[in-house]
């Protein structure tokens, strides 16, 4: 059945990339033909340089003219194809830029949507309230530290006159002590203790002599 009536399967539409590739193939084919005609023209030129004026040289000239006409025709087609390729490449570049632009716009739209969703859960008033609560807690902590560091039994009503009087009294005590004497408030610290761990060596020797008698 398919052989008789064929199929209704639609062929895929050509895209710009396929069209550019096809045009480039045609350009390459025409460039080969133009190069071949250039070689023929060079050959005819060499022949005419060797011939004298006459029927033979005229025949070569006619063949050279036909070759030149073919070359000009192919060059015209080549220029048209090159222009078509340039236009299609510009269209492809513009299309690609538009795709990239649309992708960027879609990404920004999605990001904007997500940002709005996130900001819905943020209350600036609550944040400010948290800051105020933190400041109050810090102030309370400082008050607690000040309360714990309070001193007891130390008179607070002392001034520079009290300090000077105390220092003068200390100076009077020092005048009563000689140059080589130790102040009374330091004598207890420098006195020997009432007991020692071991007896002096001289006392032990005297005891041993009495026992020997």
Protein backbone atom coordinates (compact mmCIF):
# COMPACT_ATOMS: atom_id res chain seq x y z
CA UNK A 1 0.00 0.00 0.00
CA UNK A 2 2.79 2.40 0.88
CA UNK A 3 4.48 1.67 -2.44
CA UNK A 4 1.30 2.55 -4.37
CA UNK A 5 -0.14 5.48 -2.50
CA UNK A 6 2.86 6.64 -0.50
CA UNK A 7 2.77 7.88 3.05
CA UNK A 8 1.46 11.05 4.63
CA UNK A 9 4.48 11.43 6.87
CA UNK A 10 5.50 15.08 6.74
CA UNK A 11 9.10 15.88 6.04
CA UNK A 12 10.90 17.98 8.64
CA UNK A 13 11.16 21.61 7.71
CA UNK A 14 14.67 22.77 6.90
CA UNK A 15 16.28 25.01 9.45
CA UNK A 16 18.86 27.74 9.02
CA UNK A 17 21.76 25.49 9.90
CA UNK A 18 20.82 23.00 7.20
CA UNK A 19 20.28 25.79 4.68
CA UNK A 20 23.67 27.33 5.47
CA UNK A 21 25.40 23.95 5.17
CA UNK A 22 23.71 23.29 1.81
CA UNK A 23 24.66 26.72 0.49
CA UNK A 24 28.26 26.28 1.62
CA UNK A 25 28.39 23.01 -0.34
CA UNK A 26 27.17 24.77 -3.48
CA UNK A 27 29.68 27.57 -2.96
CA UNK A 28 32.50 25.05 -2.74
CA UNK A 29 31.35 23.34 -5.94
CA UNK A 30 31.20 26.63 -7.86
CA UNK A 31 34.61 27.70 -6.60
CA UNK A 32 36.07 24.48 -8.04
CA UNK A 33 34.49 25.26 -11.43
CA UNK A 34 35.79 28.84 -11.42
CA UNK A 35 39.30 27.61 -10.66
CA UNK A 36 39.06 25.11 -13.55
CA UNK A 37 37.99 27.88 -15.93
CA UNK A 38 40.89 30.02 -14.76
CA UNK A 39 43.26 27.23 -15.72
CA UNK A 40 41.64 26.99 -19.18
CA UNK A 41 41.97 30.75 -19.69
CA UNK A 42 45.64 30.54 -18.75
CA UNK A 43 46.11 27.77 -21.32
CA UNK A 44 44.38 29.80 -24.06
CA UNK A 45 46.51 32.79 -23.20
CA UNK A 46 49.67 30.73 -23.63
CA UNK A 47 48.42 29.39 -27.00
CA UNK A 48 47.54 32.85 -28.34
CA UNK A 49 50.97 34.11 -27.37
CA UNK A 50 52.54 31.53 -29.68
CA UNK A 51 50.15 31.97 -32.65
CA UNK A 52 50.23 34.60 -35.32
CA UNK A 53 47.21 36.55 -36.35
CA UNK A 54 44.96 34.39 -38.40
CA UNK A 55 42.12 31.85 -38.31
CA UNK A 56 43.85 29.62 -35.73
CA UNK A 57 44.42 32.43 -33.26
CA UNK A 58 40.86 33.68 -33.82
CA UNK A 59 39.44 30.23 -32.97
CA UNK A 60 41.43 30.13 -29.74
CA UNK A 61 40.17 33.60 -28.88
CA UNK A 62 36.54 32.48 -29.40
CA UNK A 63 37.04 29.52 -27.07
CA UNK A 64 38.65 31.81 -24.50
CA UNK A 65 35.67 34.20 -24.72
CA UNK A 66 33.19 31.35 -24.10
CA UNK A 67 35.28 30.21 -21.14
CA UNK A 68 35.35 33.75 -19.78
CA UNK A 69 31.56 34.04 -20.10
CA UNK A 70 31.14 30.81 -18.12
CA UNK A 71 33.52 32.09 -15.50
CA UNK A 72 31.58 35.36 -15.15
CA UNK A 73 28.31 33.42 -14.83
CA UNK A 74 29.72 31.20 -12.10
CA UNK A 75 31.21 34.20 -10.31
CA UNK A 76 27.78 35.87 -10.33
CA UNK A 77 26.20 32.77 -8.79
CA UNK A 78 29.02 32.55 -6.29
CA UNK A 79 28.46 36.13 -5.14
CA UNK A 80 24.73 35.50 -4.76
CA UNK A 81 25.31 32.36 -2.69
CA UNK A 82 27.85 34.11 -0.50
CA UNK A 83 25.37 36.92 0.14
CA UNK A 84 22.64 34.38 0.94
CA UNK A 85 24.99 32.62 3.35
CA UNK A 86 25.81 35.91 5.03
CA UNK A 87 22.13 36.77 5.42
CA UNK A 88 21.28 33.35 6.82
CA UNK A 89 24.17 33.49 9.26
CA UNK A 90 22.96 36.88 10.47
CA UNK A 91 19.43 35.48 10.88
CA UNK A 92 20.79 32.47 12.76
CA UNK A 93 22.86 34.71 15.04
CA UNK A 94 19.85 36.94 15.70
CA UNK A 95 17.70 33.90 16.47
CA UNK A 96 20.32 32.54 18.87
CA UNK A 97 20.57 35.91 20.61
CA UNK A 98 16.79 36.01 20.98
CA UNK A 99 16.81 32.51 22.49
CA UNK A 100 19.47 33.55 24.97
CA UNK A 101 17.50 36.69 25.79
CA UNK A 102 14.34 34.71 26.39
CA UNK A 103 16.22 32.25 28.58
CA UNK A 104 17.64 35.15 30.60
CA UNK A 105 14.20 36.71 30.96
CA UNK A 106 12.70 33.40 32.10
CA UNK A 107 15.49 32.93 34.66
CA UNK A 108 14.94 36.46 35.99
CA UNK A 109 11.19 35.89 36.17
CA UNK A 110 11.64 32.66 38.15
CA UNK A 111 14.18 34.32 40.46
CA UNK A 112 11.83 37.26 41.00
CA UNK A 113 9.01 34.88 41.87
CA UNK A 114 11.20 33.02 44.37
CA UNK A 115 12.39 36.27 45.95
CA UNK A 116 8.81 37.45 46.43
CA UNK A 117 7.94 34.11 48.00
CA UNK A 118 10.88 34.38 50.42
CA UNK A 119 10.12 37.97 51.36
CA UNK A 120 6.57 37.06 52.24
CA UNK A 121 7.93 35.15 55.24
CA UNK A 122 9.99 38.12 56.48
CA UNK A 123 8.42 40.69 58.80
CA UNK A 124 10.57 43.76 59.28
CA UNK A 125 8.62 44.74 62.39
CA UNK A 126 9.47 41.40 63.99
CA UNK A 127 13.13 41.91 63.16
CA UNK A 128 13.10 45.34 64.80
CA UNK A 129 11.35 43.85 67.82
CA UNK A 130 14.07 41.22 68.10
CA UNK A 131 16.72 43.95 68.09
CA UNK A 132 14.93 45.80 70.89
CA UNK A 133 14.61 42.60 72.93
CA UNK A 134 18.33 41.92 72.50
CA UNK A 135 19.20 45.42 73.68
CA UNK A 136 17.01 44.98 76.77
CA UNK A 137 18.58 41.61 77.56
CA UNK A 138 22.09 43.07 77.25
CA UNK A 139 21.18 45.94 79.58
CA UNK A 140 19.76 43.48 82.12
CA UNK A 141 22.92 41.36 81.91
CA UNK A 142 25.06 44.43 82.57
CA UNK A 143 22.92 45.32 85.61
CA UNK A 144 23.30 41.78 86.93
CA UNK A 145 27.09 41.95 86.55
CA UNK A 146 27.23 45.28 88.34
CA UNK A 147 25.11 43.88 91.15
CA UNK A 148 27.30 40.79 91.55
CA UNK A 149 30.49 42.90 91.64
CA UNK A 150 29.19 45.09 94.51
CA UNK A 151 31.61 45.40 97.50
CA UNK A 152 30.61 45.02 101.15
CA UNK A 153 32.08 46.66 104.29
CA UNK A 154 34.20 49.14 102.38
CA UNK A 155 33.39 52.77 103.10
CA UNK A 156 32.58 54.68 99.97
CA UNK A 157 32.86 58.14 101.53
CA UNK A 158 36.63 58.55 101.23
CA UNK A 159 38.39 61.38 99.50
CA UNK A 160 41.92 62.60 98.83
CA UNK A 161 42.22 64.18 102.29
CA UNK A 162 41.54 60.81 103.96
CA UNK A 163 44.15 59.21 101.74
CA UNK A 164 46.76 61.85 102.56
CA UNK A 165 46.06 61.54 106.30
CA UNK A 166 46.54 57.78 106.09
CA UNK A 167 49.82 58.17 104.25
CA UNK A 168 51.06 60.75 106.77
CA UNK A 169 50.27 58.37 109.63
CA UNK A 170 52.31 55.66 107.94
CA UNK A 171 55.20 58.10 107.66
CA UNK A 172 55.15 58.87 111.44
CA UNK A 173 55.48 55.17 112.26
CA UNK A 174 58.51 54.90 110.01
CA UNK A 175 60.28 57.78 111.81
CA UNK A 176 60.12 55.89 115.13
CA UNK A 177 62.04 52.98 113.62
CA UNK A 178 65.84 53.16 113.24
CA UNK A 179 67.63 52.81 109.95
CA UNK A 180 68.73 49.21 110.68
CA UNK A 181 65.60 48.19 112.53
CA UNK A 182 62.64 46.34 111.14
CA UNK A 183 59.21 47.94 111.46
CA UNK A 184 56.83 46.33 113.90
CA UNK A 185 54.36 45.31 111.24
CA UNK A 186 57.15 43.37 109.48
CA UNK A 187 58.83 41.82 112.55
CA UNK A 188 56.36 38.94 112.84
CA UNK A 189 56.97 38.06 109.23
CA UNK A 190 60.79 37.90 109.70
CA UNK A 191 60.82 36.11 113.12
CA UNK A 192 61.74 32.46 113.28
CA UNK A 193 58.99 29.94 114.15
CA UNK A 194 58.74 28.43 117.63
CA UNK A 195 59.81 25.00 116.35
CA UNK A 196 62.15 23.60 113.74
CA UNK A 197 62.24 20.28 111.95
CA UNK A 198 65.79 19.38 113.20
CA UNK A 199 67.99 20.55 116.15
CA UNK A 200 71.10 22.62 115.45
CA UNK A 201 74.29 20.66 114.98
CA UNK A 202 76.07 22.27 118.01
CA UNK A 203 73.29 21.25 120.45
CA UNK A 204 73.43 17.62 119.23
CA UNK A 205 77.26 17.51 119.75
CA UNK A 206 76.98 18.84 123.34
CA UNK A 207 74.38 16.21 124.26
CA UNK A 208 76.56 13.38 122.94
CA UNK A 209 79.55 14.64 125.07
CA UNK A 210 77.47 14.63 128.30
CA UNK A 211 76.31 11.07 127.64
CA UNK A 212 79.92 9.94 127.15
CA UNK A 213 80.88 11.33 130.65
